Amino acid sequence: MKQSRLDEALGGVVEDCVNAVGVDVNTASYSLLSYISGINLASAKNIVKYREETGAFTTRQQLKKVPRIGDRAFEQAAGFLRVPGGKEIFDNTGVHPESYEAAEKLLAHFGYTKADVAAGNLKDLSTKAESAGLIKLAEEIGVGVPTLKDILTELEKPGRDIRDTLPPPVLRDDILSLEDLKPDMELTGTVRNVIDFGAFVDIGVHQDGLVHISQIADRFVKHPSEVVKVGDVVKVRVLAVDVAKKRISLTMRSKQKQS
């Protein structure tokens, strides 16, 4: 694979992950912030400069004061930027500012307050919402059902990191770094991301290995998602290791099919 194509693909993976997990606007580097939807490298540097000069952000709305972040950029980025410990509890969730009013209506419907969100007292919120009827409830608070489901998820686990729900990789005691890997080694790992040309698998060496789509199954597949999904624990075999470039090539195909 050409270096430019690999860089583009890896950049896409980072962007997907960052937007799925969200980032702390007060601690993230400008390079990490630049992967957020609506934020380019210049505006990311401005965010870092703003917090260095004026102090930590206490609300998402302060982002509008940052040069080169207009209403459109704020609309795209706000839901992915977290403000832990800020003035607004919703700012530390994936709830978009446009849905704050709906979130408050949802809480009030079941007799909750923002204090319950902060205290983590909403573990049964989804169950109550389903009992009340999602369609009816969505109409009452003025959002669509998909948005309602997203709000429920975020309010039940404010500030959550979805990676915490993934199973840890099953590691070998004798494999601790790239230097320990050798071709033909058989390992167990956890799928961390699935993209068009393959899947990245955590095998416990601080660098995910790539299973190319051509190595993901003994049969032809149009897309890796036909075979694996994020969180799957899979058996892999090492094809090659480039320590200098920190690249690991893996296969999920059987030896017989490769010979």
C-alpha atoms as a PDB file:
ATOM      1  CA  MET A   1       0.000   0.000   0.000  1.00  0.00           C
ATOM      2  CA  LYS A   2       1.272   3.467  -0.905  1.00  0.00           C
ATOM      3  CA  GLN A   3       2.327   5.652   2.019  1.00  0.00           C
ATOM      4  CA  SER A   4      -0.103   8.411   1.014  1.00  0.00           C
ATOM      5  CA  ARG A   5      -3.002   5.956   0.903  1.00  0.00           C
ATOM      6  CA  LEU A   6      -2.045   4.496   4.275  1.00  0.00           C
ATOM      7  CA  ASP A   7      -1.724   7.945   5.863  1.00  0.00           C
ATOM      8  CA  GLU A   8      -5.133   8.914   4.485  1.00  0.00           C
ATOM      9  CA  ALA A   9      -6.741   5.734   5.786  1.00  0.00           C
ATOM     10  CA  LEU A  10      -5.139   5.998   9.213  1.00  0.00           C
ATOM     11  CA  GLY A  11      -6.224   9.629   9.428  1.00  0.00           C
ATOM     12  CA  GLY A  12      -9.768   8.508   8.715  1.00  0.00           C
ATOM     13  CA  VAL A  13      -9.546   5.919  11.472  1.00  0.00           C
ATOM     14  CA  VAL A  14      -8.360   8.503  14.005  1.00  0.00           C
ATOM     15  CA  GLU A  15     -11.130  10.883  12.936  1.00  0.00           C
ATOM     16  CA  ASP A  16     -13.783   8.180  13.353  1.00  0.00           C
ATOM     17  CA  CYS A  17     -12.464   7.249  16.788  1.00  0.00           C
ATOM     18  CA  VAL A  18     -12.158  10.830  18.031  1.00  0.00           C
ATOM     19  CA  ASN A  19     -15.672  11.707  16.910  1.00  0.00           C
ATOM     20  CA  ALA A  20     -17.066   8.528  18.451  1.00  0.00           C
ATOM     21  CA  VAL A  21     -15.351   8.986  21.814  1.00  0.00           C
ATOM     22  CA  GLY A  22     -15.167  12.787  22.048  1.00  0.00           C
ATOM     23  CA  VAL A  23     -12.270  14.764  23.519  1.00  0.00           C
ATOM     24  CA  ASP A  24     -11.662  16.958  26.554  1.00  0.00           C
ATOM     25  CA  VAL A  25     -11.404  20.475  25.121  1.00  0.00           C
ATOM     26  CA  ASN A  26      -9.158  21.527  28.024  1.00  0.00           C
ATOM     27  CA  THR A  27      -6.518  18.823  27.663  1.00  0.00           C
ATOM     28  CA  ALA A  28      -6.515  17.688  24.029  1.00  0.00           C
ATOM     29  CA  SER A  29      -3.594  18.696  21.829  1.00  0.00           C
ATOM     30  CA  TYR A  30      -4.249  20.796  18.738  1.00  0.00           C
ATOM     31  CA  SER A  31      -3.373  17.831  16.523  1.00  0.00           C
ATOM     32  CA  LEU A  32      -6.056  15.720  18.214  1.00  0.00           C
ATOM     33  CA  LEU A  33      -8.586  18.562  18.162  1.00  0.00           C
ATOM     34  CA  SER A  34      -8.035  18.973  14.412  1.00  0.00           C
ATOM     35  CA  TYR A  35      -9.703  15.596  13.826  1.00  0.00           C
ATOM     36  CA  ILE A  36     -12.989  16.830  15.315  1.00  0.00           C
ATOM     37  CA  SER A  37     -15.734  17.480  12.782  1.00  0.00           C
ATOM     38  CA  GLY A  38     -15.814  21.182  11.909  1.00  0.00           C
ATOM     39  CA  ILE A  39     -12.363  21.895  13.389  1.00  0.00           C
ATOM     40  CA  ASN A  40      -9.366  22.355  11.095  1.00  0.00           C
ATOM     41  CA  LEU A  41      -5.726  22.656  12.116  1.00  0.00           C
ATOM     42  CA  ALA A  42      -5.819  26.466  12.322  1.00  0.00           C
ATOM     43  CA  SER A  43      -8.917  26.606  14.537  1.00  0.00           C
ATOM     44  CA  ALA A  44      -7.547  23.736  16.660  1.00  0.00           C
ATOM     45  CA  LYS A  45      -4.406  25.776  17.350  1.00  0.00           C
ATOM     46  CA  ASN A  46      -6.622  28.743  18.221  1.00  0.00           C
ATOM     47  CA  ILE A  47      -8.497  26.634  20.787  1.00  0.00           C
ATOM     48  CA  VAL A  48      -5.234  25.701  22.500  1.00  0.00           C
ATOM     49  CA  LYS A  49      -4.015  29.318  22.357  1.00  0.00           C
ATOM     50  CA  TYR A  50      -7.313  30.590  23.795  1.00  0.00           C
ATOM     51  CA  ARG A  51      -7.235  28.267  26.798  1.00  0.00           C
ATOM     52  CA  GLU A  52      -3.553  29.060  27.428  1.00  0.00           C
ATOM     53  CA  GLU A  53      -4.281  32.787  27.454  1.00  0.00           C
ATOM     54  CA  THR A  54      -7.667  32.887  29.200  1.00  0.00           C
ATOM     55  CA  GLY A  55      -7.736  29.669  31.212  1.00  0.00           C
ATOM     56  CA  ALA A  56      -9.719  26.457  30.918  1.00  0.00           C
ATOM     57  CA  PHE A  57     -13.048  26.385  29.143  1.00  0.00           C
ATOM     58  CA  THR A  58     -15.971  26.206  31.544  1.00  0.00           C
ATOM     59  CA  THR A  59     -18.716  25.941  28.900  1.00  0.00           C
ATOM     60  CA  ARG A  60     -19.014  24.843  25.293  1.00  0.00           C
ATOM     61  CA  GLN A  61     -20.440  28.254  24.405  1.00  0.00           C
ATOM     62  CA  GLN A  62     -17.003  29.796  25.049  1.00  0.00           C
ATOM     63  CA  LEU A  63     -15.795  28.082  21.890  1.00  0.00           C
ATOM     64  CA  LYS A  64     -17.651  30.728  19.909  1.00  0.00           C
ATOM     65  CA  LYS A  65     -15.163  33.275  21.245  1.00  0.00           C
ATOM     66  CA  VAL A  66     -12.271  31.402  19.641  1.00  0.00           C
ATOM     67  CA  PRO A  67     -11.092  32.945  16.352  1.00  0.00           C
ATOM     68  CA  ARG A  68     -12.145  30.990  13.237  1.00  0.00           C
ATOM     69  CA  ILE A  69     -14.876  29.066  15.049  1.00  0.00           C
ATOM     70  CA  GLY A  70     -18.139  30.459  13.753  1.00  0.00           C
ATOM     71  CA  ASP A  71     -21.678  29.237  14.216  1.00  0.00           C
ATOM     72  CA  ARG A  72     -21.333  26.546  11.554  1.00  0.00           C
ATOM     73  CA  ALA A  73     -18.103  25.121  13.002  1.00  0.00           C
ATOM     74  CA  PHE A  74     -19.569  25.227  16.506  1.00  0.00           C
ATOM     75  CA  GLU A  75     -22.669  23.384  15.321  1.00  0.00           C
ATOM     76  CA  GLN A  76     -20.541  20.605  13.847  1.00  0.00           C
ATOM     77  CA  ALA A  77     -17.996  20.317  16.660  1.00  0.00           C
ATOM     78  CA  ALA A  78     -19.853  21.024  19.911  1.00  0.00           C
ATOM     79  CA  GLY A  79     -21.253  17.534  20.446  1.00  0.00           C
ATOM     80  CA  PHE A  80     -17.775  15.992  20.241  1.00  0.00           C
ATOM     81  CA  LEU A  81     -16.017  18.365  22.642  1.00  0.00           C
ATOM     82  CA  ARG A  82     -16.324  17.641  26.371  1.00  0.00           C
ATOM     83  CA  VAL A  83     -15.983  20.116  29.241  1.00  0.00           C
ATOM     84  CA  PRO A  84     -15.569  18.013  32.413  1.00  0.00           C
ATOM     85  CA  GLY A  85     -16.349  19.885  35.617  1.00  0.00           C
ATOM     86  CA  GLY A  86     -17.847  22.838  33.765  1.00  0.00           C
ATOM     87  CA  LYS A  87     -20.870  24.960  34.598  1.00  0.00           C
ATOM     88  CA  GLU A  88     -23.210  22.901  32.411  1.00  0.00           C
ATOM     89  CA  ILE A  89     -23.404  19.142  33.088  1.00  0.00           C
ATOM     90  CA  PHE A  90     -24.605  18.486  29.541  1.00  0.00           C
ATOM     91  CA  ASP A  91     -21.284  19.904  28.285  1.00  0.00           C
ATOM     92  CA  ASN A  92     -19.607  16.719  29.507  1.00  0.00           C
ATOM     93  CA  THR A  93     -21.870  14.486  27.438  1.00  0.00           C
ATOM     94  CA  GLY A  94     -22.453  13.780  23.775  1.00  0.00           C
ATOM     95  CA  VAL A  95     -25.739  15.685  23.920  1.00  0.00           C
ATOM     96  CA  HIS A  96     -25.556  18.511  21.386  1.00  0.00           C
ATOM     97  CA  PRO A  97     -26.368  22.020  22.666  1.00  0.00           C
ATOM     98  CA  GLU A  98     -29.332  22.078  20.273  1.00  0.00           C
ATOM     99  CA  SER A  99     -30.823  19.207  22.297  1.00  0.00           C
ATOM    100  CA  TYR A 100     -30.221  20.645  25.789  1.00  0.00           C
ATOM    101  CA  GLU A 101     -33.806  21.882  26.063  1.00  0.00           C
ATOM    102  CA  ALA A 102     -35.125  18.467  25.035  1.00  0.00           C
ATOM    103  CA  ALA A 103     -32.818  16.799  27.570  1.00  0.00           C
ATOM    104  CA  GLU A 104     -34.164  19.032  30.340  1.00  0.00           C
ATOM    105  CA  LYS A 105     -37.746  18.231  29.329  1.00  0.00           C
ATOM    106  CA  LEU A 106     -36.881  14.538  29.419  1.00  0.00           C
ATOM    107  CA  LEU A 107     -35.471  14.813  32.934  1.00  0.00           C
ATOM    108  CA  ALA A 108     -38.457  16.815  34.150  1.00  0.00           C
ATOM    109  CA  HIS A 109     -40.879  14.272  32.681  1.00  0.00           C
ATOM    110  CA  PHE A 110     -39.550  11.636  35.065  1.00  0.00           C
ATOM    111  CA  GLY A 111     -38.927  13.958  37.998  1.00  0.00           C
ATOM    112  CA  TYR A 112     -35.147  14.172  37.595  1.00  0.00           C
ATOM    113  CA  THR A 113     -32.799  17.155  37.616  1.00  0.00           C
ATOM    114  CA  LYS A 114     -29.315  17.884  36.289  1.00  0.00           C
ATOM    115  CA  ALA A 115     -28.011  16.987  39.734  1.00  0.00           C
ATOM    116  CA  ASP A 116     -29.154  13.426  39.094  1.00  0.00           C
ATOM    117  CA  VAL A 117     -27.136  13.407  35.871  1.00  0.00           C
ATOM    118  CA  ALA A 118     -24.001  14.520  37.704  1.00  0.00           C
ATOM    119  CA  ALA A 119     -24.589  11.969  40.472  1.00  0.00           C
ATOM    120  CA  GLY A 120     -25.173   9.114  38.027  1.00  0.00           C
ATOM    121  CA  ASN A 121     -28.675   8.418  39.284  1.00  0.00           C
ATOM    122  CA  LEU A 122     -30.235   7.736  35.890  1.00  0.00           C
ATOM    123  CA  LYS A 123     -29.365   4.106  35.253  1.00  0.00           C
ATOM    124  CA  ASP A 124     -33.029   3.180  34.825  1.00  0.00           C
ATOM    125  CA  LEU A 125     -33.910   6.167  32.619  1.00  0.00           C
ATOM    126  CA  SER A 126     -34.029   4.152  29.389  1.00  0.00           C
ATOM    127  CA  THR A 127     -36.283   1.541  30.989  1.00  0.00           C
ATOM    128  CA  LYS A 128     -38.687   4.240  32.147  1.00  0.00           C
ATOM    129  CA  ALA A 129     -38.617   5.885  28.725  1.00  0.00           C
ATOM    130  CA  GLU A 130     -39.414   2.622  26.948  1.00  0.00           C
ATOM    131  CA  SER A 131     -42.282   1.979  29.358  1.00  0.00           C
ATOM    132  CA  ALA A 132     -43.643   5.433  28.601  1.00  0.00           C
ATOM    133  CA  GLY A 133     -43.357   4.819  24.843  1.00  0.00           C
ATOM    134  CA  LEU A 134     -40.415   6.227  22.882  1.00  0.00           C
ATOM    135  CA  ILE A 135     -42.487   7.619  20.026  1.00  0.00           C
ATOM    136  CA  LYS A 136     -44.880   9.451  22.340  1.00  0.00           C
ATOM    137  CA  LEU A 137     -42.021  10.679  24.542  1.00  0.00           C
ATOM    138  CA  ALA A 138     -40.018  11.916  21.546  1.00  0.00           C
ATOM    139  CA  GLU A 139     -42.995  13.931  20.318  1.00  0.00           C
ATOM    140  CA  GLU A 140     -43.495  15.411  23.768  1.00  0.00           C
ATOM    141  CA  ILE A 141     -39.941  16.708  24.101  1.00  0.00           C
ATOM    142  CA  GLY A 142     -39.695  17.742  20.454  1.00  0.00           C
ATOM    143  CA  VAL A 143     -37.066  15.406  18.956  1.00  0.00           C
ATOM    144  CA  GLY A 144     -36.948  12.319  16.778  1.00  0.00           C
ATOM    145  CA  VAL A 145     -36.736   8.834  18.267  1.00  0.00           C
ATOM    146  CA  PRO A 146     -33.043   8.337  17.244  1.00  0.00           C
ATOM    147  CA  THR A 147     -32.117  11.618  18.963  1.00  0.00           C
ATOM    148  CA  LEU A 148     -34.112  10.597  22.034  1.00  0.00           C
ATOM    149  CA  LYS A 149     -32.198   7.314  22.226  1.00  0.00           C
ATOM    150  CA  ASP A 150     -28.888   9.169  21.959  1.00  0.00           C
ATOM    151  CA  ILE A 151     -29.900  11.552  24.747  1.00  0.00           C
ATOM    152  CA  LEU A 152     -30.933   8.646  26.980  1.00  0.00           C
ATOM    153  CA  THR A 153     -27.580   6.933  26.456  1.00  0.00           C
ATOM    154  CA  GLU A 154     -25.616  10.082  27.212  1.00  0.00           C
ATOM    155  CA  LEU A 155     -27.601  11.045  30.318  1.00  0.00           C
ATOM    156  CA  GLU A 156     -27.263   7.584  31.826  1.00  0.00           C
ATOM    157  CA  LYS A 157     -23.479   7.646  31.492  1.00  0.00           C
ATOM    158  CA  PRO A 158     -22.232  11.254  31.364  1.00  0.00           C
ATOM    159  CA  GLY A 159     -18.595  11.581  30.384  1.00  0.00           C
ATOM    160  CA  ARG A 160     -18.396   7.921  29.465  1.00  0.00           C
ATOM    161  CA  ASP A 161     -15.718   6.520  27.194  1.00  0.00           C
ATOM    162  CA  ILE A 162     -17.234   3.881  24.920  1.00  0.00           C
ATOM    163  CA  ARG A 163     -13.882   2.100  24.758  1.00  0.00           C
ATOM    164  CA  ASP A 164     -14.333   1.085  28.389  1.00  0.00           C
ATOM    165  CA  THR A 165     -17.117  -1.276  27.301  1.00  0.00           C
ATOM    166  CA  LEU A 166     -14.832  -3.218  24.981  1.00  0.00           C
ATOM    167  CA  PRO A 167     -13.288  -6.440  26.272  1.00  0.00           C
ATOM    168  CA  PRO A 168      -9.569  -6.253  26.993  1.00  0.00           C
ATOM    169  CA  PRO A 169      -7.275  -8.183  24.656  1.00  0.00           C
ATOM    170  CA  VAL A 170      -6.185 -11.632  25.785  1.00  0.00           C
ATOM    171  CA  LEU A 171      -2.436 -11.136  25.999  1.00  0.00           C
ATOM    172  CA  ARG A 172       0.553 -13.462  26.019  1.00  0.00           C
ATOM    173  CA  ASP A 173       3.062 -12.894  28.809  1.00  0.00           C
ATOM    174  CA  ASP A 174       5.983 -13.278  26.417  1.00  0.00           C
ATOM    175  CA  ILE A 175       4.740 -10.669  23.912  1.00  0.00           C
ATOM    176  CA  LEU A 176       5.299  -7.158  25.260  1.00  0.00           C
ATOM    177  CA  SER A 177       6.612  -5.123  22.306  1.00  0.00           C
ATOM    178  CA  LEU A 178       6.956  -5.113  18.525  1.00  0.00           C
ATOM    179  CA  GLU A 179      10.445  -6.589  18.896  1.00  0.00           C
ATOM    180  CA  ASP A 180       8.913  -9.700  20.495  1.00  0.00           C
ATOM    181  CA  LEU A 181       6.769 -10.439  17.441  1.00  0.00           C
ATOM    182  CA  LYS A 182       7.899 -12.957  14.856  1.00  0.00           C
ATOM    183  CA  PRO A 183       6.274 -14.091  11.612  1.00  0.00           C
ATOM    184  CA  ASP A 184       3.853 -17.011  12.004  1.00  0.00           C
ATOM    185  CA  MET A 185       3.163 -16.308  15.689  1.00  0.00           C
ATOM    186  CA  GLU A 186      -0.440 -17.066  16.617  1.00  0.00           C
ATOM    187  CA  LEU A 187      -2.085 -14.542  18.936  1.00  0.00           C
ATOM    188  CA  THR A 188      -5.450 -13.477  20.313  1.00  0.00           C
ATOM    189  CA  GLY A 189      -6.526  -9.865  19.974  1.00  0.00           C
ATOM    190  CA  THR A 190      -9.474  -7.506  20.107  1.00  0.00           C
ATOM    191  CA  VAL A 191     -10.812  -5.690  17.057  1.00  0.00           C
ATOM    192  CA  ARG A 192     -10.507  -1.950  17.724  1.00  0.00           C
ATOM    193  CA  ASN A 193     -11.640  -0.554  14.382  1.00  0.00           C
ATOM    194  CA  VAL A 194     -13.103  -1.785  11.104  1.00  0.00           C
ATOM    195  CA  ILE A 195     -12.447   0.167   7.920  1.00  0.00           C
ATOM    196  CA  ASP A 196     -12.904  -0.359   4.180  1.00  0.00           C
ATOM    197  CA  PHE A 197      -9.583  -2.099   3.615  1.00  0.00           C
ATOM    198  CA  GLY A 198      -9.332  -4.168   6.775  1.00  0.00           C
ATOM    199  CA  ALA A 199      -9.462  -4.233  10.559  1.00  0.00           C
ATOM    200  CA  PHE A 200      -7.116  -3.020  13.277  1.00  0.00           C
ATOM    201  CA  VAL A 201      -6.527  -5.518  16.070  1.00  0.00           C
ATOM    202  CA  ASP A 202      -5.057  -4.863  19.524  1.00  0.00           C
ATOM    203  CA  ILE A 203      -2.618  -7.670  20.344  1.00  0.00           C
ATOM    204  CA  GLY A 204      -1.113  -5.994  23.405  1.00  0.00           C
ATOM    205  CA  VAL A 205       2.061  -4.392  22.072  1.00  0.00           C
ATOM    206  CA  HIS A 206       0.946  -0.734  22.151  1.00  0.00           C
ATOM    207  CA  GLN A 207       0.527  -0.763  18.372  1.00  0.00           C
ATOM    208  CA  ASP A 208      -2.529  -2.234  16.676  1.00  0.00           C
ATOM    209  CA  GLY A 209      -1.914  -4.672  13.863  1.00  0.00           C
ATOM    210  CA  LEU A 210      -3.670  -4.498  10.492  1.00  0.00           C
ATOM    211  CA  VAL A 211      -5.575  -7.416   9.055  1.00  0.00           C
ATOM    212  CA  HIS A 212      -5.963  -6.464   5.395  1.00  0.00           C
ATOM    213  CA  ILE A 213      -9.307  -7.316   3.801  1.00  0.00           C
ATOM    214  CA  SER A 214      -7.541  -9.951   1.699  1.00  0.00           C
ATOM    215  CA  GLN A 215      -6.402 -11.651   4.926  1.00  0.00           C
ATOM    216  CA  ILE A 216      -9.603 -11.395   6.934  1.00  0.00           C
ATOM    217  CA  ALA A 217     -11.221 -14.655   5.799  1.00  0.00           C
ATOM    218  CA  ASP A 218     -10.605 -17.735   3.687  1.00  0.00           C
ATOM    219  CA  ARG A 219     -13.410 -16.611   1.375  1.00  0.00           C
ATOM    220  CA  PHE A 220     -13.900 -13.426  -0.634  1.00  0.00           C
ATOM    221  CA  VAL A 221     -15.556 -10.578   1.285  1.00  0.00           C
ATOM    222  CA  LYS A 222     -16.724  -7.227  -0.040  1.00  0.00           C
ATOM    223  CA  HIS A 223     -16.193  -5.464   3.277  1.00  0.00           C
ATOM    224  CA  PRO A 224     -14.459  -6.478   6.544  1.00  0.00           C
ATOM    225  CA  SER A 225     -17.693  -5.805   8.464  1.00  0.00           C
ATOM    226  CA  GLU A 226     -19.064  -9.015   6.938  1.00  0.00           C
ATOM    227  CA  VAL A 227     -16.634 -10.913   9.156  1.00  0.00           C
ATOM    228  CA  VAL A 228     -15.744  -8.793  12.191  1.00  0.00           C
ATOM    229  CA  LYS A 229     -17.011  -5.889  14.271  1.00  0.00           C
ATOM    230  CA  VAL A 230     -15.463  -3.655  16.915  1.00  0.00           C
ATOM    231  CA  GLY A 231     -15.024  -5.558  20.172  1.00  0.00           C
ATOM    232  CA  ASP A 232     -14.697  -9.015  18.617  1.00  0.00           C
ATOM    233  CA  VAL A 233     -11.980 -11.225  20.095  1.00  0.00           C
ATOM    234  CA  VAL A 234     -10.196 -12.906  17.187  1.00  0.00           C
ATOM    235  CA  LYS A 235      -7.370 -15.339  16.491  1.00  0.00           C
ATOM    236  CA  VAL A 236      -4.659 -13.851  14.296  1.00  0.00           C
ATOM    237  CA  ARG A 237      -1.276 -14.841  12.925  1.00  0.00           C
ATOM    238  CA  VAL A 238       1.662 -12.498  12.332  1.00  0.00           C
ATOM    239  CA  LEU A 239       2.599 -12.064   8.675  1.00  0.00           C
ATOM    240  CA  ALA A 240       5.245  -9.371   8.985  1.00  0.00           C
ATOM    241  CA  VAL A 241       6.578  -6.768  11.416  1.00  0.00           C
ATOM    242  CA  ASP A 242       8.286  -3.495  10.508  1.00  0.00           C
ATOM    243  CA  VAL A 243       9.733  -2.240  13.798  1.00  0.00           C
ATOM    244  CA  ALA A 244      11.130   0.967  12.301  1.00  0.00           C
ATOM    245  CA  LYS A 245       7.763   2.041  10.868  1.00  0.00           C
ATOM    246  CA  LYS A 246       5.787   0.444  13.711  1.00  0.00           C
ATOM    247  CA  ARG A 247       3.639  -1.633  11.400  1.00  0.00           C
ATOM    248  CA  ILE A 248       2.236  -5.066  12.049  1.00  0.00           C
ATOM    249  CA  SER A 249       0.633  -7.159   9.325  1.00  0.00           C
ATOM    250  CA  LEU A 250      -1.721  -9.868  10.544  1.00  0.00           C
ATOM    251  CA  THR A 251      -3.878 -12.548   8.986  1.00  0.00           C
ATOM    252  CA  MET A 252      -7.010 -14.374  10.029  1.00  0.00           C
ATOM    253  CA  ARG A 253      -6.777 -16.871   7.181  1.00  0.00           C
ATOM    254  CA  SER A 254      -5.926 -20.493   7.816  1.00  0.00           C
ATOM    255  CA  LYS A 255      -2.452 -21.697   6.910  1.00  0.00           C
ATOM    256  CA  GLN A 256      -3.840 -24.233   4.480  1.00  0.00           C
ATOM    257  CA  LYS A 257      -5.587 -21.553   2.428  1.00  0.00           C
ATOM    258  CA  GLN A 258      -2.434 -19.451   2.228  1.00  0.00           C
ATOM    259  CA  SER A 259      -0.142 -22.219   1.145  1.00  0.00           C
END
